[in-house]
């Protein structure tokens, strides 16, 4: 999956396929590495047939796969005109598949919000046990994966 994202970018068509989609079918981001760490799978060891491994840990190089490594993407994300989530009755998607938000008030012709921001304080106040802010983009062309970070948990 990581190599596909690095090669082709994010794909909002897969929204919710592995971790759910509490706020609709979008691409989810956070501003805290602890948020993304909740969704990372471990990469236990080097595999000669793994193209990502060949690129990051070339056999003729001096950077070896450390074992038990995780990967995170640092992305540029265009939020545009955001809707801030204020509680369970405040989401207002404009479509059945939750891939569009409601219109920005006072726009003519109507323009939908470009992103949804779910603040940690608001989520905790509405009994959503998640201490991190989330930024949800409903069109993956507003995202750019800029860096791949490999890390280990201690």
Protein backbone atom coordinates (compact mmCIF):
# COMPACT_ATOMS: atom_id res chain seq x y z
CA UNK A 1 0.00 0.00 0.00
CA UNK A 2 2.79 2.44 0.89
CA UNK A 3 4.52 2.06 -2.48
CA UNK A 4 1.21 2.50 -4.30
CA UNK A 5 0.54 5.76 -2.43
CA UNK A 6 4.06 7.02 -3.13
CA UNK A 7 3.68 6.16 -6.83
CA UNK A 8 0.04 7.13 -7.46
CA UNK A 9 -0.96 9.38 -4.56
CA UNK A 10 -3.89 8.95 -2.19
CA UNK A 11 -7.07 7.30 -3.42
CA UNK A 12 -10.31 8.30 -1.67
CA UNK A 13 -12.14 5.39 -3.38
CA UNK A 14 -10.66 3.13 -0.70
CA UNK A 15 -11.96 5.31 2.13
CA UNK A 16 -13.03 3.28 5.13
CA UNK A 17 -11.92 -0.03 3.65
CA UNK A 18 -9.56 -0.92 6.49
CA UNK A 19 -10.25 1.30 9.47
CA UNK A 20 -13.78 2.63 9.01
CA UNK A 21 -15.01 6.08 8.12
CA UNK A 22 -16.57 7.83 11.11
CA UNK A 23 -16.84 11.13 9.24
CA UNK A 24 -17.58 9.84 5.75
CA UNK A 25 -15.65 8.48 2.80
CA UNK A 26 -12.57 10.63 2.81
CA UNK A 27 -8.84 10.55 3.36
CA UNK A 28 -8.05 11.08 7.05
CA UNK A 29 -5.08 13.06 8.37
CA UNK A 30 -3.80 14.15 11.77
CA UNK A 31 -1.33 16.70 13.04
CA UNK A 32 0.04 14.34 15.68
CA UNK A 33 2.13 11.27 14.92
CA UNK A 34 0.29 9.39 17.69
CA UNK A 35 -2.87 9.49 15.56
CA UNK A 36 -1.31 7.84 12.53
CA UNK A 37 0.53 5.34 14.70
CA UNK A 38 -2.87 3.86 15.64
CA UNK A 39 -3.25 2.66 12.03
CA UNK A 40 0.27 1.46 11.16
CA UNK A 41 1.13 -2.19 10.57
CA UNK A 42 4.50 -3.60 11.51
CA UNK A 43 7.06 -4.51 8.84
CA UNK A 44 8.96 -7.30 10.58
CA UNK A 45 11.84 -8.07 8.23
CA UNK A 46 13.49 -7.45 4.88
CA UNK A 47 11.98 -9.26 1.92
CA UNK A 48 14.06 -9.49 -1.25
CA UNK A 49 10.91 -9.49 -3.42
CA UNK A 50 9.45 -6.35 -1.81
CA UNK A 51 9.98 -3.39 -4.16
CA UNK A 52 9.66 -0.85 -1.34
CA UNK A 53 12.37 -2.70 0.59
CA UNK A 54 14.61 -2.72 -2.49
CA UNK A 55 14.22 1.06 -2.79
CA UNK A 56 14.74 1.93 0.90
CA UNK A 57 17.17 -0.80 1.92
CA UNK A 58 19.24 -1.64 -1.20
CA UNK A 59 21.45 -4.69 -0.76
CA UNK A 60 24.52 -2.78 -1.95
CA UNK A 61 23.82 0.12 0.43
CA UNK A 62 24.70 0.66 4.07
CA UNK A 63 21.11 1.14 5.29
CA UNK A 64 19.74 -2.23 6.39
CA UNK A 65 16.15 -3.07 7.34
CA UNK A 66 16.17 -2.71 11.13
CA UNK A 67 13.32 -5.16 11.75
CA UNK A 68 10.02 -4.28 13.40
CA UNK A 69 9.69 -0.99 11.51
CA UNK A 70 6.61 1.13 10.84
CA UNK A 71 6.03 3.64 8.04
CA UNK A 72 4.28 7.00 8.12
CA UNK A 73 3.65 9.56 5.42
CA UNK A 74 4.17 13.27 5.92
CA UNK A 75 1.72 14.93 3.56
CA UNK A 76 0.81 18.35 2.28
CA UNK A 77 -2.95 18.76 2.51
CA UNK A 78 -5.07 21.57 1.13
CA UNK A 79 -7.99 22.12 3.51
CA UNK A 80 -9.68 24.89 1.53
CA UNK A 81 -12.88 26.11 3.16
CA UNK A 82 -13.31 23.71 6.10
CA UNK A 83 -16.34 22.75 8.11
CA UNK A 84 -15.53 22.32 11.80
CA UNK A 85 -17.32 19.38 13.41
CA UNK A 86 -19.19 20.48 16.54
CA UNK A 87 -21.02 17.33 17.56
CA UNK A 88 -23.07 14.39 16.37
CA UNK A 89 -25.78 16.48 14.71
CA UNK A 90 -23.34 18.79 12.96
CA UNK A 91 -21.83 16.64 10.21
CA UNK A 92 -24.35 17.39 7.41
CA UNK A 93 -23.02 15.38 4.48
CA UNK A 94 -24.66 16.35 1.21
CA UNK A 95 -24.61 12.90 -0.36
CA UNK A 96 -25.61 9.38 0.66
CA UNK A 97 -22.07 8.02 0.42
CA UNK A 98 -20.76 10.85 2.62
CA UNK A 99 -18.19 11.98 0.08
CA UNK A 100 -19.36 15.60 -0.05
CA UNK A 101 -20.03 18.07 2.73
CA UNK A 102 -22.80 20.64 2.94
CA UNK A 103 -22.63 23.95 1.12
CA UNK A 104 -20.67 26.91 2.42
CA UNK A 105 -23.32 29.38 3.64
CA UNK A 106 -23.85 32.40 1.41
CA UNK A 107 -22.07 31.10 -1.69
CA UNK A 108 -23.62 31.56 -5.11
CA UNK A 109 -23.44 29.35 -7.00
CA UNK A 110 -23.33 26.89 -4.10
CA UNK A 111 -19.89 25.59 -3.16
CA UNK A 112 -19.42 22.64 -0.81
CA UNK A 113 -16.95 22.69 2.06
CA UNK A 114 -13.63 21.18 0.98
CA UNK A 115 -12.74 19.44 4.23
CA UNK A 116 -13.95 18.55 7.70
CA UNK A 117 -12.01 19.31 10.87
CA UNK A 118 -12.81 17.23 13.95
CA UNK A 119 -11.13 18.84 16.96
CA UNK A 120 -10.13 16.65 19.90
CA UNK A 121 -11.88 18.85 22.48
CA UNK A 122 -15.15 18.64 20.56
CA UNK A 123 -14.88 14.88 20.07
CA UNK A 124 -14.19 14.28 23.78
CA UNK A 125 -17.14 16.50 24.71
CA UNK A 126 -19.38 14.27 22.56
CA UNK A 127 -18.07 11.03 24.10
CA UNK A 128 -15.82 10.12 21.17
CA UNK A 129 -12.74 8.73 22.87
CA UNK A 130 -10.01 10.06 20.60
CA UNK A 131 -7.46 12.59 21.87
CA UNK A 132 -6.29 13.74 18.41
CA UNK A 133 -7.50 16.29 15.87
CA UNK A 134 -8.53 14.84 12.51
CA UNK A 135 -8.63 16.47 9.09
CA UNK A 136 -10.79 14.74 6.50
CA UNK A 137 -10.41 15.47 2.79
CA UNK A 138 -13.05 14.15 0.41
CA UNK A 139 -11.05 14.54 -2.79
CA UNK A 140 -7.61 12.94 -2.76
CA UNK A 141 -6.29 15.36 -5.38
CA UNK A 142 -6.02 17.89 -2.51
CA UNK A 143 -3.28 15.80 -0.90
CA UNK A 144 0.40 15.24 -1.65
CA UNK A 145 2.48 12.59 0.15
CA UNK A 146 5.82 14.38 0.53
CA UNK A 147 7.94 12.21 2.83
CA UNK A 148 8.03 8.60 3.93
CA UNK A 149 9.23 8.17 7.51
CA UNK A 150 10.36 4.77 8.78
CA UNK A 151 10.35 4.45 12.56
CA UNK A 152 10.44 1.95 15.40
CA UNK A 153 8.42 1.94 18.59
CA UNK A 154 10.34 1.86 21.83
